[in-house]
Amino acid sequence: MEPARMDPADALAELSRIRLDEVALDDVLARVAGLANRAVPGSAHVSVSLTQAGANRAIAHTSDLARRLDEWQYEHDDGPCLDASVSATSVSLPDLSDEPRWPDWAAQARTAGVGSSLSIALPIQEAVTGALNLYGSSAHAFDKSSIDLAEEFAAYAAVALANAHLYESTSTLAQQMREAMRSRAVIEQAKGIIMGQRRCSADEAFTLLAKLSQDSNRKLRDVAEALVARAAER
């Protein structure tokens, strides 16, 4: 059953209103999949897949069927969405009953009620690539105008995905930096306590702190926090 249709211009406008600082990357991908499914004529199921550090993931999908078709490709390392991601091109399979390139996957798709598919590459950056995968319930579900629209939509979506990925990476880096700064602060406090108690240098205090960490098989920060907490209690 095809989804309720949406004017492509309205779908692109809605995509442009996504606030990347308020929405997680997975949520952005889910919005992309849902909008593509409603905007591209002939589409019955959509997924968005990403390839990062050699790992393939079906991040977003409008149905379990779309997810299963993607996962079959990952398990067998073979299929149109993987080919589209690697080659950064569009891969159209107009009739899955006559598909010599991926006959095993095509048989799986036909059994699930899919007659045609379209995979559009989403080149986000060198380390991350992906594909927008559209599945039609009948053969020749995607005519030229549908393919052109899907490619236009994918190009627009790739920008949103690249920005979302950059924002998420930046947020993760900022969190890691905050954690590092907090760790450094408590370690410096612990060093100060040791220096005051033992009348030793900063290097000697750090060496002692590191030895306590190694002997107790605990992280340096955890040892430092415990030492500061005991000093505060006293």
C-alpha atoms as a PDB file:
ATOM      1  CA  MET A   1       0.000   0.000   0.000  1.00  0.00           C
ATOM      2  CA  GLU A   2       1.447   3.328  -1.059  1.00  0.00           C
ATOM      3  CA  PRO A   3       1.666   6.182   1.480  1.00  0.00           C
ATOM      4  CA  ALA A   4      -0.395   9.361   1.335  1.00  0.00           C
ATOM      5  CA  ARG A   5       1.242  11.553  -1.307  1.00  0.00           C
ATOM      6  CA  MET A   6       2.830  14.911  -0.604  1.00  0.00           C
ATOM      7  CA  ASP A   7       3.758  17.699  -2.993  1.00  0.00           C
ATOM      8  CA  PRO A   8       7.546  17.492  -3.604  1.00  0.00           C
ATOM      9  CA  ALA A   9       7.984  21.226  -3.015  1.00  0.00           C
ATOM     10  CA  ASP A  10       6.268  20.921   0.362  1.00  0.00           C
ATOM     11  CA  ALA A  11       8.444  17.929   1.246  1.00  0.00           C
ATOM     12  CA  LEU A  12      11.648  19.814   0.429  1.00  0.00           C
ATOM     13  CA  ALA A  13      10.400  22.840   2.345  1.00  0.00           C
ATOM     14  CA  GLU A  14       9.691  20.669   5.386  1.00  0.00           C
ATOM     15  CA  LEU A  15      13.148  19.126   5.130  1.00  0.00           C
ATOM     16  CA  SER A  16      14.716  22.573   5.126  1.00  0.00           C
ATOM     17  CA  ARG A  17      12.944  23.448   8.377  1.00  0.00           C
ATOM     18  CA  ILE A  18      14.661  20.696  10.370  1.00  0.00           C
ATOM     19  CA  ARG A  19      16.668  22.247  13.217  1.00  0.00           C
ATOM     20  CA  LEU A  20      19.861  20.238  13.288  1.00  0.00           C
ATOM     21  CA  ASP A  21      20.789  21.578  16.722  1.00  0.00           C
ATOM     22  CA  GLU A  22      17.559  20.177  18.164  1.00  0.00           C
ATOM     23  CA  VAL A  23      17.209  16.872  16.291  1.00  0.00           C
ATOM     24  CA  ALA A  24      19.460  13.784  16.567  1.00  0.00           C
ATOM     25  CA  LEU A  25      21.001  12.345  13.407  1.00  0.00           C
ATOM     26  CA  ASP A  26      18.800   9.238  13.515  1.00  0.00           C
ATOM     27  CA  ASP A  27      15.716  11.459  13.711  1.00  0.00           C
ATOM     28  CA  VAL A  28      16.899  13.492  10.718  1.00  0.00           C
ATOM     29  CA  LEU A  29      17.317  10.275   8.739  1.00  0.00           C
ATOM     30  CA  ALA A  30      13.838   9.114   9.744  1.00  0.00           C
ATOM     31  CA  ARG A  31      12.381  12.415   8.517  1.00  0.00           C
ATOM     32  CA  VAL A  32      14.277  12.075   5.234  1.00  0.00           C
ATOM     33  CA  ALA A  33      12.927   8.554   4.694  1.00  0.00           C
ATOM     34  CA  GLY A  34       9.357   9.532   5.498  1.00  0.00           C
ATOM     35  CA  LEU A  35       9.350  12.620   3.300  1.00  0.00           C
ATOM     36  CA  ALA A  36      10.940  10.771   0.368  1.00  0.00           C
ATOM     37  CA  ASN A  37       8.348   8.021   0.633  1.00  0.00           C
ATOM     38  CA  ARG A  38       5.520  10.545   0.386  1.00  0.00           C
ATOM     39  CA  ALA A  39       7.110  12.806  -2.228  1.00  0.00           C
ATOM     40  CA  VAL A  40       8.359  10.371  -4.883  1.00  0.00           C
ATOM     41  CA  PRO A  41       5.586   8.797  -7.006  1.00  0.00           C
ATOM     42  CA  GLY A  42       5.705   4.994  -7.079  1.00  0.00           C
ATOM     43  CA  SER A  43       7.445   4.644  -3.728  1.00  0.00           C
ATOM     44  CA  ALA A  44       5.895   2.220  -1.243  1.00  0.00           C
ATOM     45  CA  HIS A  45       8.834   1.725   1.175  1.00  0.00           C
ATOM     46  CA  VAL A  46      11.960   3.778   1.840  1.00  0.00           C
ATOM     47  CA  SER A  47      15.130   3.316   3.829  1.00  0.00           C
ATOM     48  CA  VAL A  48      18.237   5.393   4.415  1.00  0.00           C
ATOM     49  CA  SER A  49      21.439   3.416   4.824  1.00  0.00           C
ATOM     50  CA  LEU A  50      24.841   4.650   5.930  1.00  0.00           C
ATOM     51  CA  THR A  51      28.291   3.179   5.547  1.00  0.00           C
ATOM     52  CA  GLN A  52      30.811   4.351   8.124  1.00  0.00           C
ATOM     53  CA  ALA A  53      34.200   2.818   8.926  1.00  0.00           C
ATOM     54  CA  GLY A  54      33.301  -0.202   6.817  1.00  0.00           C
ATOM     55  CA  ALA A  55      30.085  -0.881   8.718  1.00  0.00           C
ATOM     56  CA  ASN A  56      26.703  -0.753   6.971  1.00  0.00           C
ATOM     57  CA  ARG A  57      23.571   0.221   8.841  1.00  0.00           C
ATOM     58  CA  ALA A  58      19.934   0.734   7.907  1.00  0.00           C
ATOM     59  CA  ILE A  59      19.541   3.853  10.018  1.00  0.00           C
ATOM     60  CA  ALA A  60      16.001   4.776   9.043  1.00  0.00           C
ATOM     61  CA  HIS A  61      13.164   2.965   7.321  1.00  0.00           C
ATOM     62  CA  THR A  62       9.460   3.465   6.756  1.00  0.00           C
ATOM     63  CA  SER A  63       8.662  -0.241   7.164  1.00  0.00           C
ATOM     64  CA  ASP A  64      10.152  -3.486   8.420  1.00  0.00           C
ATOM     65  CA  LEU A  65      10.135  -4.699   4.830  1.00  0.00           C
ATOM     66  CA  ALA A  66      12.556  -1.936   3.788  1.00  0.00           C
ATOM     67  CA  ARG A  67      14.773  -2.716   6.779  1.00  0.00           C
ATOM     68  CA  ARG A  68      14.847  -6.448   5.975  1.00  0.00           C
ATOM     69  CA  LEU A  69      15.731  -5.850   2.336  1.00  0.00           C
ATOM     70  CA  ASP A  70      18.641  -3.630   3.387  1.00  0.00           C
ATOM     71  CA  GLU A  71      19.859  -6.036   6.065  1.00  0.00           C
ATOM     72  CA  TRP A  72      19.872  -8.936   3.591  1.00  0.00           C
ATOM     73  CA  GLN A  73      22.302  -6.932   1.473  1.00  0.00           C
ATOM     74  CA  TYR A  74      24.556  -6.212   4.466  1.00  0.00           C
ATOM     75  CA  GLU A  75      24.593  -9.853   5.526  1.00  0.00           C
ATOM     76  CA  HIS A  76      25.529 -11.016   2.029  1.00  0.00           C
ATOM     77  CA  ASP A  77      27.642  -7.957   1.154  1.00  0.00           C
ATOM     78  CA  ASP A  78      25.788  -7.688  -2.121  1.00  0.00           C
ATOM     79  CA  GLY A  79      22.957  -5.569  -3.458  1.00  0.00           C
ATOM     80  CA  PRO A  80      21.925  -2.339  -5.188  1.00  0.00           C
ATOM     81  CA  CYS A  81      22.045  -0.027  -2.146  1.00  0.00           C
ATOM     82  CA  LEU A  82      25.644  -1.087  -1.407  1.00  0.00           C
ATOM     83  CA  ASP A  83      26.595  -0.574  -5.045  1.00  0.00           C
ATOM     84  CA  ALA A  84      25.014   2.890  -5.043  1.00  0.00           C
ATOM     85  CA  SER A  85      26.877   3.867  -1.843  1.00  0.00           C
ATOM     86  CA  VAL A  86      30.252   2.709  -3.134  1.00  0.00           C
ATOM     87  CA  SER A  87      29.915   4.048  -6.679  1.00  0.00           C
ATOM     88  CA  ALA A  88      28.129   7.288  -5.647  1.00  0.00           C
ATOM     89  CA  THR A  89      25.613   6.790  -8.470  1.00  0.00           C
ATOM     90  CA  SER A  90      21.940   5.960  -8.868  1.00  0.00           C
ATOM     91  CA  VAL A  91      21.032   2.299  -9.315  1.00  0.00           C
ATOM     92  CA  SER A  92      17.622   1.585 -10.838  1.00  0.00           C
ATOM     93  CA  LEU A  93      16.091  -1.883 -10.956  1.00  0.00           C
ATOM     94  CA  PRO A  94      12.882  -1.395 -12.962  1.00  0.00           C
ATOM     95  CA  ASP A  95      11.745  -5.032 -12.974  1.00  0.00           C
ATOM     96  CA  LEU A  96      12.917  -7.415 -10.255  1.00  0.00           C
ATOM     97  CA  SER A  97      11.518 -10.403 -12.145  1.00  0.00           C
ATOM     98  CA  ASP A  98      14.263  -9.812 -14.708  1.00  0.00           C
ATOM     99  CA  GLU A  99      17.317  -8.686 -12.722  1.00  0.00           C
ATOM    100  CA  PRO A 100      20.601 -10.414 -13.647  1.00  0.00           C
ATOM    101  CA  ARG A 101      22.889  -8.279 -11.462  1.00  0.00           C
ATOM    102  CA  TRP A 102      21.506  -9.289  -8.064  1.00  0.00           C
ATOM    103  CA  PRO A 103      19.230 -12.275  -8.714  1.00  0.00           C
ATOM    104  CA  ASP A 104      19.270 -13.622  -5.139  1.00  0.00           C
ATOM    105  CA  TRP A 105      18.372 -10.288  -3.587  1.00  0.00           C
ATOM    106  CA  ALA A 106      15.765  -9.662  -6.290  1.00  0.00           C
ATOM    107  CA  ALA A 107      14.128 -12.987  -5.448  1.00  0.00           C
ATOM    108  CA  GLN A 108      13.943 -11.978  -1.781  1.00  0.00           C
ATOM    109  CA  ALA A 109      12.405  -8.641  -2.722  1.00  0.00           C
ATOM    110  CA  ARG A 110       9.818 -10.192  -5.044  1.00  0.00           C
ATOM    111  CA  THR A 111       8.769 -12.630  -2.337  1.00  0.00           C
ATOM    112  CA  ALA A 112       8.229  -9.632  -0.045  1.00  0.00           C
ATOM    113  CA  GLY A 113       6.004  -7.961  -2.640  1.00  0.00           C
ATOM    114  CA  VAL A 114       8.476  -5.529  -4.211  1.00  0.00           C
ATOM    115  CA  GLY A 115       8.524  -5.201  -7.987  1.00  0.00           C
ATOM    116  CA  SER A 116      11.165  -2.500  -8.514  1.00  0.00           C
ATOM    117  CA  SER A 117      13.761  -0.516  -6.589  1.00  0.00           C
ATOM    118  CA  LEU A 118      15.771   2.668  -6.815  1.00  0.00           C
ATOM    119  CA  SER A 119      18.913   3.446  -4.801  1.00  0.00           C
ATOM    120  CA  ILE A 120      20.284   7.007  -4.842  1.00  0.00           C
ATOM    121  CA  ALA A 121      23.758   7.669  -3.464  1.00  0.00           C
ATOM    122  CA  LEU A 122      24.129  10.100  -0.576  1.00  0.00           C
ATOM    123  CA  PRO A 123      27.785  11.185  -0.597  1.00  0.00           C
ATOM    124  CA  ILE A 124      28.114  12.858   2.799  1.00  0.00           C
ATOM    125  CA  GLN A 125      31.867  12.931   3.301  1.00  0.00           C
ATOM    126  CA  GLU A 126      34.851  10.679   2.712  1.00  0.00           C
ATOM    127  CA  ALA A 127      34.361   8.677   5.919  1.00  0.00           C
ATOM    128  CA  VAL A 128      30.594   8.370   5.599  1.00  0.00           C
ATOM    129  CA  THR A 129      28.538   7.421   2.544  1.00  0.00           C
ATOM    130  CA  GLY A 130      24.993   6.262   2.186  1.00  0.00           C
ATOM    131  CA  ALA A 131      22.023   5.650  -0.035  1.00  0.00           C
ATOM    132  CA  LEU A 132      18.383   6.598  -0.215  1.00  0.00           C
ATOM    133  CA  ASN A 133      16.578   3.370  -1.144  1.00  0.00           C
ATOM    134  CA  LEU A 134      13.068   3.407  -2.603  1.00  0.00           C
ATOM    135  CA  TYR A 135      11.030   0.269  -3.162  1.00  0.00           C
ATOM    136  CA  GLY A 136       7.992   0.058  -5.449  1.00  0.00           C
ATOM    137  CA  SER A 137       5.241  -2.529  -5.133  1.00  0.00           C
ATOM    138  CA  SER A 138       5.068  -3.073  -8.901  1.00  0.00           C
ATOM    139  CA  ALA A 139       7.471  -3.327 -11.800  1.00  0.00           C
ATOM    140  CA  HIS A 140       8.427  -0.046 -13.478  1.00  0.00           C
ATOM    141  CA  ALA A 141       7.100   1.914 -10.489  1.00  0.00           C
ATOM    142  CA  PHE A 142       9.639   4.690 -11.053  1.00  0.00           C
ATOM    143  CA  ASP A 143       9.508   6.504 -14.372  1.00  0.00           C
ATOM    144  CA  LYS A 144      12.043   9.100 -15.462  1.00  0.00           C
ATOM    145  CA  SER A 145      10.293  11.942 -13.689  1.00  0.00           C
ATOM    146  CA  SER A 146      10.222   9.920 -10.446  1.00  0.00           C
ATOM    147  CA  ILE A 147      13.919   9.116 -10.766  1.00  0.00           C
ATOM    148  CA  ASP A 148      14.768  12.765 -11.452  1.00  0.00           C
ATOM    149  CA  LEU A 149      12.724  13.819  -8.422  1.00  0.00           C
ATOM    150  CA  ALA A 150      14.353  11.172  -6.216  1.00  0.00           C
ATOM    151  CA  GLU A 151      17.817  12.344  -7.255  1.00  0.00           C
ATOM    152  CA  GLU A 152      16.872  15.964  -6.594  1.00  0.00           C
ATOM    153  CA  PHE A 153      15.479  14.999  -3.221  1.00  0.00           C
ATOM    154  CA  ALA A 154      18.551  12.900  -2.397  1.00  0.00           C
ATOM    155  CA  ALA A 155      20.886  15.764  -3.271  1.00  0.00           C
ATOM    156  CA  TYR A 156      18.916  18.034  -0.964  1.00  0.00           C
ATOM    157  CA  ALA A 157      18.791  15.349   1.732  1.00  0.00           C
ATOM    158  CA  ALA A 158      22.549  14.725   1.477  1.00  0.00           C
ATOM    159  CA  VAL A 159      23.189  18.325   2.541  1.00  0.00           C
ATOM    160  CA  ALA A 160      20.938  17.910   5.578  1.00  0.00           C
ATOM    161  CA  LEU A 161      22.581  14.608   6.444  1.00  0.00           C
ATOM    162  CA  ALA A 162      26.095  16.025   6.065  1.00  0.00           C
ATOM    163  CA  ASN A 163      25.206  18.940   8.321  1.00  0.00           C
ATOM    164  CA  ALA A 164      23.568  16.634  10.845  1.00  0.00           C
ATOM    165  CA  HIS A 165      26.589  14.325  10.839  1.00  0.00           C
ATOM    166  CA  LEU A 166      28.933  17.295  11.262  1.00  0.00           C
ATOM    167  CA  TYR A 167      26.807  18.660  14.101  1.00  0.00           C
ATOM    168  CA  GLU A 168      26.710  15.276  15.847  1.00  0.00           C
ATOM    169  CA  SER A 169      30.467  14.811  15.431  1.00  0.00           C
ATOM    170  CA  THR A 170      31.108  18.318  16.755  1.00  0.00           C
ATOM    171  CA  SER A 171      28.802  17.748  19.729  1.00  0.00           C
ATOM    172  CA  THR A 172      30.560  14.467  20.534  1.00  0.00           C
ATOM    173  CA  LEU A 173      33.957  16.160  20.326  1.00  0.00           C
ATOM    174  CA  ALA A 174      32.769  18.984  22.599  1.00  0.00           C
ATOM    175  CA  GLN A 175      31.487  16.461  25.145  1.00  0.00           C
ATOM    176  CA  GLN A 176      34.796  14.603  25.051  1.00  0.00           C
ATOM    177  CA  MET A 177      36.670  17.863  25.590  1.00  0.00           C
ATOM    178  CA  ARG A 178      34.468  18.742  28.562  1.00  0.00           C
ATOM    179  CA  GLU A 179      35.090  15.315  30.072  1.00  0.00           C
ATOM    180  CA  ALA A 180      38.831  15.718  29.533  1.00  0.00           C
ATOM    181  CA  MET A 181      38.812  19.128  31.210  1.00  0.00           C
ATOM    182  CA  ARG A 182      36.887  17.767  34.204  1.00  0.00           C
ATOM    183  CA  SER A 183      39.307  14.853  34.457  1.00  0.00           C
ATOM    184  CA  ARG A 184      42.282  17.172  34.347  1.00  0.00           C
ATOM    185  CA  ALA A 185      40.802  19.421  37.024  1.00  0.00           C
ATOM    186  CA  VAL A 186      40.218  16.606  39.529  1.00  0.00           C
ATOM    187  CA  ILE A 187      43.646  15.094  38.798  1.00  0.00           C
ATOM    188  CA  GLU A 188      45.283  18.471  39.498  1.00  0.00           C
ATOM    189  CA  GLN A 189      43.335  18.661  42.772  1.00  0.00           C
ATOM    190  CA  ALA A 190      44.517  15.205  43.759  1.00  0.00           C
ATOM    191  CA  LYS A 191      48.107  16.100  42.902  1.00  0.00           C
ATOM    192  CA  GLY A 192      47.829  19.179  45.098  1.00  0.00           C
ATOM    193  CA  ILE A 193      46.590  17.082  48.015  1.00  0.00           C
ATOM    194  CA  ILE A 194      49.468  14.599  47.630  1.00  0.00           C
ATOM    195  CA  MET A 195      52.002  17.420  47.336  1.00  0.00           C
ATOM    196  CA  GLY A 196      50.672  18.976  50.545  1.00  0.00           C
ATOM    197  CA  GLN A 197      50.711  15.710  52.459  1.00  0.00           C
ATOM    198  CA  ARG A 198      54.055  14.372  51.252  1.00  0.00           C
ATOM    199  CA  ARG A 199      55.896  17.623  50.568  1.00  0.00           C
ATOM    200  CA  CYS A 200      56.813  16.373  47.098  1.00  0.00           C
ATOM    201  CA  SER A 201      56.945  17.835  43.583  1.00  0.00           C
ATOM    202  CA  ALA A 202      54.092  17.809  41.055  1.00  0.00           C
ATOM    203  CA  ASP A 203      55.830  15.118  39.005  1.00  0.00           C
ATOM    204  CA  GLU A 204      56.307  12.922  42.065  1.00  0.00           C
ATOM    205  CA  ALA A 205      52.672  13.412  43.039  1.00  0.00           C
ATOM    206  CA  PHE A 206      51.506  12.384  39.585  1.00  0.00           C
ATOM    207  CA  THR A 207      53.777   9.318  39.619  1.00  0.00           C
ATOM    208  CA  LEU A 208      52.250   8.249  42.926  1.00  0.00           C
ATOM    209  CA  LEU A 209      48.746   8.853  41.618  1.00  0.00           C
ATOM    210  CA  ALA A 210      49.491   6.782  38.507  1.00  0.00           C
ATOM    211  CA  LYS A 211      50.880   3.952  40.664  1.00  0.00           C
ATOM    212  CA  LEU A 212      47.723   3.956  42.783  1.00  0.00           C
ATOM    213  CA  SER A 213      45.674   3.750  39.573  1.00  0.00           C
ATOM    214  CA  GLN A 214      47.708   0.829  38.265  1.00  0.00           C
ATOM    215  CA  ASP A 215      47.781  -1.080  41.557  1.00  0.00           C
ATOM    216  CA  SER A 216      44.028  -0.725  42.094  1.00  0.00           C
ATOM    217  CA  ASN A 217      43.192  -1.349  38.421  1.00  0.00           C
ATOM    218  CA  ARG A 218      41.087   1.806  38.305  1.00  0.00           C
ATOM    219  CA  LYS A 219      41.065   4.782  35.979  1.00  0.00           C
ATOM    220  CA  LEU A 220      43.331   7.655  36.968  1.00  0.00           C
ATOM    221  CA  ARG A 221      40.343   9.988  37.170  1.00  0.00           C
ATOM    222  CA  ASP A 222      38.460   7.614  39.503  1.00  0.00           C
ATOM    223  CA  VAL A 223      41.453   7.370  41.843  1.00  0.00           C
ATOM    224  CA  ALA A 224      41.796  11.153  41.842  1.00  0.00           C
ATOM    225  CA  GLU A 225      38.096  11.665  42.572  1.00  0.00           C
ATOM    226  CA  ALA A 226      38.235   9.240  45.495  1.00  0.00           C
ATOM    227  CA  LEU A 227      41.287  10.998  46.920  1.00  0.00           C
ATOM    228  CA  VAL A 228      39.650  14.420  46.636  1.00  0.00           C
ATOM    229  CA  ALA A 229      36.431  13.109  48.197  1.00  0.00           C
ATOM    230  CA  ARG A 230      38.314  11.686  51.211  1.00  0.00           C
ATOM    231  CA  ALA A 231      40.174  14.939  51.660  1.00  0.00           C
ATOM    232  CA  ALA A 232      36.905  16.875  51.571  1.00  0.00           C
ATOM    233  CA  GLU A 233      35.406  14.572  54.231  1.00  0.00           C
ATOM    234  CA  ARG A 234      38.357  15.131  56.496  1.00  0.00           C
END
